[in-house]
Amino acid sequence: MGMTKKDFIRLADKVREYQEAKYRNHDIELEEPFLLDMLVEFCLEQNPRFKPSVFLGYVRGECGPNGGKVK
């Protein structure tokens, strides 16, 4: 089953948290690693079997979507 409206709202909340943190800490450079950490946290909340290493490896282009070799 795909993400529901509730899931999309929760993900949007995480993005908003990122934007608010970036605004509050304008003197601190917040980049993608911070956002990716929040997204990983969200995904783990949704599914405890979520594999952060596979997700992050795929985002970085280090592996395929299932953790295998890049085609």
PDB file of N, CA and C in Angstrom:
ATOM      1  N   MET A   1       0.844  -1.187   0.000  1.00  0.00           N
ATOM      2  CA  MET A   1       0.000   0.000   0.000  1.00  0.00           C
ATOM      3  C   MET A   1       0.880   1.237   0.000  1.00  0.00           C
ATOM      4  N   GLY A   2       0.527   2.213  -0.805  1.00  0.00           N
ATOM      5  CA  GLY A   2       1.285   3.449  -0.891  1.00  0.00           C
ATOM      6  C   GLY A   2       0.996   4.373   0.272  1.00  0.00           C
ATOM      7  N   MET A   3       1.647   5.494   0.255  1.00  0.00           N
ATOM      8  CA  MET A   3       1.435   6.479   1.313  1.00  0.00           C
ATOM      9  C   MET A   3       0.035   7.066   1.205  1.00  0.00           C
ATOM     10  N   THR A   4      -0.553   7.334   2.351  1.00  0.00           N
ATOM     11  CA  THR A   4      -1.878   7.938   2.392  1.00  0.00           C
ATOM     12  C   THR A   4      -1.741   9.454   2.528  1.00  0.00           C
ATOM     13  N   LYS A   5      -2.863  10.134   2.480  1.00  0.00           N
ATOM     14  CA  LYS A   5      -2.865  11.581   2.673  1.00  0.00           C
ATOM     15  C   LYS A   5      -2.212  11.931   4.009  1.00  0.00           C
ATOM     16  N   LYS A   6      -2.521  11.139   5.018  1.00  0.00           N
ATOM     17  CA  LYS A   6      -1.930  11.352   6.346  1.00  0.00           C
ATOM     18  C   LYS A   6      -0.402  11.248   6.283  1.00  0.00           C
ATOM     19  N   ASP A   7       0.111  10.278   5.519  1.00  0.00           N
ATOM     20  CA  ASP A   7       1.556  10.113   5.363  1.00  0.00           C
ATOM     21  C   ASP A   7       2.190  11.321   4.679  1.00  0.00           C
ATOM     22  N   PHE A   8       1.535  11.800   3.623  1.00  0.00           N
ATOM     23  CA  PHE A   8       2.070  12.962   2.915  1.00  0.00           C
ATOM     24  C   PHE A   8       2.080  14.191   3.821  1.00  0.00           C
ATOM     25  N   ILE A   9       1.065  14.331   4.626  1.00  0.00           N
ATOM     26  CA  ILE A   9       1.016  15.460   5.562  1.00  0.00           C
ATOM     27  C   ILE A   9       2.159  15.354   6.562  1.00  0.00           C
ATOM     28  N   ARG A  10       2.393  14.164   7.086  1.00  0.00           N
ATOM     29  CA  ARG A  10       3.486  13.969   8.051  1.00  0.00           C
ATOM     30  C   ARG A  10       4.837  14.271   7.406  1.00  0.00           C
ATOM     31  N   LEU A  11       5.034  13.847   6.176  1.00  0.00           N
ATOM     32  CA  LEU A  11       6.277  14.143   5.468  1.00  0.00           C
ATOM     33  C   LEU A  11       6.419  15.650   5.258  1.00  0.00           C
ATOM     34  N   ALA A  12       5.337  16.297   4.886  1.00  0.00           N
ATOM     35  CA  ALA A  12       5.360  17.757   4.727  1.00  0.00           C
ATOM     36  C   ALA A  12       5.698  18.432   6.052  1.00  0.00           C
ATOM     37  N   ASP A  13       5.205  17.874   7.156  1.00  0.00           N
ATOM     38  CA  ASP A  13       5.548  18.409   8.479  1.00  0.00           C
ATOM     39  C   ASP A  13       7.057  18.345   8.715  1.00  0.00           C
ATOM     40  N   LYS A  14       7.684  17.247   8.322  1.00  0.00           N
ATOM     41  CA  LYS A  14       9.134  17.114   8.488  1.00  0.00           C
ATOM     42  C   LYS A  14       9.880  18.166   7.661  1.00  0.00           C
ATOM     43  N   VAL A  15       9.419  18.407   6.450  1.00  0.00           N
ATOM     44  CA  VAL A  15      10.048  19.418   5.605  1.00  0.00           C
ATOM     45  C   VAL A  15       9.880  20.801   6.238  1.00  0.00           C
ATOM     46  N   ARG A  16       8.710  21.036   6.795  1.00  0.00           N
ATOM     47  CA  ARG A  16       8.477  22.310   7.484  1.00  0.00           C
ATOM     48  C   ARG A  16       9.402  22.457   8.684  1.00  0.00           C
ATOM     49  N   GLU A  17       9.597  21.383   9.446  1.00  0.00           N
ATOM     50  CA  GLU A  17      10.526  21.420  10.571  1.00  0.00           C
ATOM     51  C   GLU A  17      11.920  21.818  10.102  1.00  0.00           C
ATOM     52  N   TYR A  18      12.330  21.274   8.983  1.00  0.00           N
ATOM     53  CA  TYR A  18      13.634  21.615   8.396  1.00  0.00           C
ATOM     54  C   TYR A  18      13.706  23.103   8.074  1.00  0.00           C
ATOM     55  N   GLN A  19      12.673  23.614   7.425  1.00  0.00           N
ATOM     56  CA  GLN A  19      12.662  25.027   7.051  1.00  0.00           C
ATOM     57  C   GLN A  19      12.678  25.921   8.291  1.00  0.00           C
ATOM     58  N   GLU A  20      11.921  25.551   9.302  1.00  0.00           N
ATOM     59  CA  GLU A  20      11.873  26.341  10.533  1.00  0.00           C
ATOM     60  C   GLU A  20      13.220  26.304  11.252  1.00  0.00           C
ATOM     61  N   ALA A  21      13.852  25.140  11.292  1.00  0.00           N
ATOM     62  CA  ALA A  21      15.170  25.026  11.931  1.00  0.00           C
ATOM     63  C   ALA A  21      16.199  25.850  11.179  1.00  0.00           C
ATOM     64  N   LYS A  22      16.117  25.831   9.867  1.00  0.00           N
ATOM     65  CA  LYS A  22      17.038  26.613   9.045  1.00  0.00           C
ATOM     66  C   LYS A  22      16.851  28.103   9.324  1.00  0.00           C
ATOM     67  N   TYR A  23      15.620  28.528   9.473  1.00  0.00           N
ATOM     68  CA  TYR A  23      15.328  29.927   9.767  1.00  0.00           C
ATOM     69  C   TYR A  23      15.812  30.302  11.168  1.00  0.00           C
ATOM     70  N   ARG A  24      15.511  29.466  12.168  1.00  0.00           N
ATOM     71  CA  ARG A  24      15.918  29.735  13.557  1.00  0.00           C
ATOM     72  C   ARG A  24      17.430  29.782  13.712  1.00  0.00           C
ATOM     73  N   ASN A  25      18.134  28.959  12.965  1.00  0.00           N
ATOM     74  CA  ASN A  25      19.586  28.832  13.093  1.00  0.00           C
ATOM     75  C   ASN A  25      20.291  29.432  11.886  1.00  0.00           C
ATOM     76  N   HIS A  26      19.865  30.603  11.498  1.00  0.00           N
ATOM     77  CA  HIS A  26      20.379  31.224  10.273  1.00  0.00           C
ATOM     78  C   HIS A  26      21.894  31.348  10.256  1.00  0.00           C
ATOM     79  N   ASP A  27      22.497  31.328  11.435  1.00  0.00           N
ATOM     80  CA  ASP A  27      23.950  31.405  11.487  1.00  0.00           C
ATOM     81  C   ASP A  27      24.610  30.036  11.329  1.00  0.00           C
ATOM     82  N   ILE A  28      23.835  28.957  11.321  1.00  0.00           N
ATOM     83  CA  ILE A  28      24.360  27.602  11.160  1.00  0.00           C
ATOM     84  C   ILE A  28      23.921  27.082   9.801  1.00  0.00           C
ATOM     85  N   GLU A  29      24.867  26.585   9.054  1.00  0.00           N
ATOM     86  CA  GLU A  29      24.570  26.045   7.724  1.00  0.00           C
ATOM     87  C   GLU A  29      23.886  24.686   7.854  1.00  0.00           C
ATOM     88  N   LEU A  30      22.629  24.616   7.510  1.00  0.00           N
ATOM     89  CA  LEU A  30      21.893  23.350   7.519  1.00  0.00           C
ATOM     90  C   LEU A  30      21.727  22.897   6.072  1.00  0.00           C
ATOM     91  N   GLU A  31      22.201  21.699   5.785  1.00  0.00           N
ATOM     92  CA  GLU A  31      22.165  21.201   4.419  1.00  0.00           C
ATOM     93  C   GLU A  31      21.394  19.899   4.331  1.00  0.00           C
ATOM     94  N   GLU A  32      21.499  19.244   3.199  1.00  0.00           N
ATOM     95  CA  GLU A  32      20.754  18.014   2.968  1.00  0.00           C
ATOM     96  C   GLU A  32      20.939  16.934   4.026  1.00  0.00           C
ATOM     97  N   PRO A  33      22.142  16.735   4.599  1.00  0.00           N
ATOM     98  CA  PRO A  33      22.239  15.665   5.608  1.00  0.00           C
ATOM     99  C   PRO A  33      21.221  15.836   6.732  1.00  0.00           C
ATOM    100  N   PHE A  34      20.968  17.051   7.140  1.00  0.00           N
ATOM    101  CA  PHE A  34      19.979  17.312   8.184  1.00  0.00           C
ATOM    102  C   PHE A  34      18.594  16.899   7.709  1.00  0.00           C
ATOM    103  N   LEU A  35      18.233  17.276   6.502  1.00  0.00           N
ATOM    104  CA  LEU A  35      16.936  16.909   5.942  1.00  0.00           C
ATOM    105  C   LEU A  35      16.829  15.396   5.774  1.00  0.00           C
ATOM    106  N   LEU A  36      17.884  14.766   5.297  1.00  0.00           N
ATOM    107  CA  LEU A  36      17.860  13.316   5.122  1.00  0.00           C
ATOM    108  C   LEU A  36      17.693  12.603   6.454  1.00  0.00           C
ATOM    109  N   ASP A  37      18.334  13.097   7.500  1.00  0.00           N
ATOM    110  CA  ASP A  37      18.159  12.496   8.827  1.00  0.00           C
ATOM    111  C   ASP A  37      16.698  12.564   9.265  1.00  0.00           C
ATOM    112  N   MET A  38      16.059  13.684   9.003  1.00  0.00           N
ATOM    113  CA  MET A  38      14.642  13.830   9.367  1.00  0.00           C
ATOM    114  C   MET A  38      13.770  12.887   8.546  1.00  0.00           C
ATOM    115  N   LEU A  39      14.076  12.734   7.268  1.00  0.00           N
ATOM    116  CA  LEU A  39      13.292  11.827   6.428  1.00  0.00           C
ATOM    117  C   LEU A  39      13.488  10.374   6.858  1.00  0.00           C
ATOM    118  N   VAL A  40      14.710  10.015   7.225  1.00  0.00           N
ATOM    119  CA  VAL A  40      14.970   8.661   7.725  1.00  0.00           C
ATOM    120  C   VAL A  40      14.171   8.427   9.004  1.00  0.00           C
ATOM    121  N   GLU A  41      14.176   9.402   9.887  1.00  0.00           N
ATOM    122  CA  GLU A  41      13.398   9.298  11.129  1.00  0.00           C
ATOM    123  C   GLU A  41      11.917   9.075  10.817  1.00  0.00           C
ATOM    124  N   PHE A  42      11.402   9.833   9.862  1.00  0.00           N
ATOM    125  CA  PHE A  42      10.003   9.695   9.456  1.00  0.00           C
ATOM    126  C   PHE A  42       9.740   8.286   8.916  1.00  0.00           C
ATOM    127  N   CYS A  43      10.608   7.794   8.052  1.00  0.00           N
ATOM    128  CA  CYS A  43      10.408   6.480   7.450  1.00  0.00           C
ATOM    129  C   CYS A  43      10.467   5.376   8.505  1.00  0.00           C
ATOM    130  N   LEU A  44      11.363   5.505   9.481  1.00  0.00           N
ATOM    131  CA  LEU A  44      11.431   4.525  10.564  1.00  0.00           C
ATOM    132  C   LEU A  44      10.171   4.545  11.411  1.00  0.00           C
ATOM    133  N   GLU A  45       9.587   5.719  11.584  1.00  0.00           N
ATOM    134  CA  GLU A  45       8.323   5.820  12.313  1.00  0.00           C
ATOM    135  C   GLU A  45       7.213   5.089  11.569  1.00  0.00           C
ATOM    136  N   GLN A  46       7.273   5.111  10.242  1.00  0.00           N
ATOM    137  CA  GLN A  46       6.244   4.484   9.421  1.00  0.00           C
ATOM    138  C   GLN A  46       6.413   2.980   9.332  1.00  0.00           C
ATOM    139  N   ASN A  47       7.687   2.530   9.326  1.00  0.00           N
ATOM    140  CA  ASN A  47       7.953   1.107   9.159  1.00  0.00           C
ATOM    141  C   ASN A  47       9.255   0.769   9.881  1.00  0.00           C
ATOM    142  N   PRO A  48       9.179   0.052  10.993  1.00  0.00           N
ATOM    143  CA  PRO A  48      10.387  -0.262  11.754  1.00  0.00           C
ATOM    144  C   PRO A  48      11.383  -1.149  10.993  1.00  0.00           C
ATOM    145  N   ARG A  49      10.947  -1.755   9.903  1.00  0.00           N
ATOM    146  CA  ARG A  49      11.859  -2.577   9.093  1.00  0.00           C
ATOM    147  C   ARG A  49      12.553  -1.749   8.008  1.00  0.00           C
ATOM    148  N   PHE A  50      12.269  -0.480   7.953  1.00  0.00           N
ATOM    149  CA  PHE A  50      12.919   0.434   7.010  1.00  0.00           C
ATOM    150  C   PHE A  50      14.430   0.365   7.199  1.00  0.00           C
ATOM    151  N   LYS A  51      15.168   0.338   6.092  1.00  0.00           N
ATOM    152  CA  LYS A  51      16.625   0.214   6.146  1.00  0.00           C
ATOM    153  C   LYS A  51      17.277   1.547   5.749  1.00  0.00           C
ATOM    154  N   PRO A  52      17.665   2.346   6.734  1.00  0.00           N
ATOM    155  CA  PRO A  52      18.272   3.647   6.441  1.00  0.00           C
ATOM    156  C   PRO A  52      19.495   3.562   5.532  1.00  0.00           C
ATOM    157  N   SER A  53      20.341   2.543   5.720  1.00  0.00           N
ATOM    158  CA  SER A  53      21.553   2.450   4.905  1.00  0.00           C
ATOM    159  C   SER A  53      21.224   2.264   3.425  1.00  0.00           C
ATOM    160  N   VAL A  54      20.197   1.491   3.137  1.00  0.00           N
ATOM    161  CA  VAL A  54      19.781   1.289   1.742  1.00  0.00           C
ATOM    162  C   VAL A  54      19.192   2.590   1.191  1.00  0.00           C
ATOM    163  N   PHE A  55      18.327   3.225   1.960  1.00  0.00           N
ATOM    164  CA  PHE A  55      17.710   4.484   1.541  1.00  0.00           C
ATOM    165  C   PHE A  55      18.776   5.534   1.240  1.00  0.00           C
ATOM    166  N   LEU A  56      19.696   5.730   2.186  1.00  0.00           N
ATOM    167  CA  LEU A  56      20.727   6.756   2.013  1.00  0.00           C
ATOM    168  C   LEU A  56      21.694   6.391   0.888  1.00  0.00           C
ATOM    169  N   GLY A  57      22.021   5.113   0.764  1.00  0.00           N
ATOM    170  CA  GLY A  57      22.886   4.685  -0.336  1.00  0.00           C
ATOM    171  C   GLY A  57      22.249   4.948  -1.683  1.00  0.00           C
ATOM    172  N   TYR A  58      20.963   4.710  -1.776  1.00  0.00           N
ATOM    173  CA  TYR A  58      20.243   4.970  -3.027  1.00  0.00           C
ATOM    174  C   TYR A  58      20.179   6.468  -3.313  1.00  0.00           C
ATOM    175  N   VAL A  59      19.890   7.260  -2.297  1.00  0.00           N
ATOM    176  CA  VAL A  59      19.844   8.715  -2.471  1.00  0.00           C
ATOM    177  C   VAL A  59      21.192   9.236  -2.970  1.00  0.00           C
ATOM    178  N   ARG A  60      22.275   8.681  -2.451  1.00  0.00           N
ATOM    179  CA  ARG A  60      23.629   9.133  -2.822  1.00  0.00           C
ATOM    180  C   ARG A  60      24.124   8.505  -4.122  1.00  0.00           C
ATOM    181  N   GLY A  61      23.340   7.574  -4.702  1.00  0.00           N
ATOM    182  CA  GLY A  61      23.746   6.924  -5.930  1.00  0.00           C
ATOM    183  C   GLY A  61      24.759   5.815  -5.736  1.00  0.00           C
ATOM    184  N   GLU A  62      24.894   5.322  -4.501  1.00  0.00           N
ATOM    185  CA  GLU A  62      25.864   4.281  -4.192  1.00  0.00           C
ATOM    186  C   GLU A  62      25.324   2.871  -4.401  1.00  0.00           C
ATOM    187  N   CYS A  63      24.003   2.731  -4.489  1.00  0.00           N
ATOM    188  CA  CYS A  63      23.382   1.421  -4.708  1.00  0.00           C
ATOM    189  C   CYS A  63      22.058   1.615  -5.418  1.00  0.00           C
ATOM    190  N   GLY A  64      21.459   0.508  -5.804  1.00  0.00           N
ATOM    191  CA  GLY A  64      20.124   0.560  -6.402  1.00  0.00           C
ATOM    192  C   GLY A  64      19.059   0.712  -5.331  1.00  0.00           C
ATOM    193  N   PRO A  65      17.799   0.826  -5.734  1.00  0.00           N
ATOM    194  CA  PRO A  65      16.728   1.055  -4.780  1.00  0.00           C
ATOM    195  C   PRO A  65      16.524  -0.068  -3.759  1.00  0.00           C
ATOM    196  N   ASN A  66      17.004  -1.257  -4.065  1.00  0.00           N
ATOM    197  CA  ASN A  66      16.893  -2.382  -3.133  1.00  0.00           C
ATOM    198  C   ASN A  66      18.208  -2.707  -2.443  1.00  0.00           C
ATOM    199  N   GLY A  67      19.210  -1.849  -2.619  1.00  0.00           N
ATOM    200  CA  GLY A  67      20.507  -2.064  -2.011  1.00  0.00           C
ATOM    201  C   GLY A  67      21.521  -2.766  -2.885  1.00  0.00           C
ATOM    202  N   GLY A  68      21.089  -3.196  -4.060  1.00  0.00           N
ATOM    203  CA  GLY A  68      22.002  -3.883  -4.975  1.00  0.00           C
ATOM    204  C   GLY A  68      22.864  -2.913  -5.761  1.00  0.00           C
ATOM    205  N   LYS A  69      23.570  -3.456  -6.738  1.00  0.00           N
ATOM    206  CA  LYS A  69      24.453  -2.643  -7.567  1.00  0.00           C
ATOM    207  C   LYS A  69      23.668  -1.635  -8.393  1.00  0.00           C
ATOM    208  N   VAL A  70      24.324  -0.515  -8.679  1.00  0.00           N
ATOM    209  CA  VAL A  70      23.738   0.520  -9.538  1.00  0.00           C
ATOM    210  C   VAL A  70      23.789   0.019 -10.957  1.00  0.00           C
ATOM    211  N   LYS A  71      22.669   0.119 -11.654  1.00  0.00           N
ATOM    212  CA  LYS A  71      22.626  -0.354 -13.054  1.00  0.00           C
ATOM    213  C   LYS A  71      23.119   0.715 -13.983  1.00  0.00           C
TER     214      LYS A  71
END
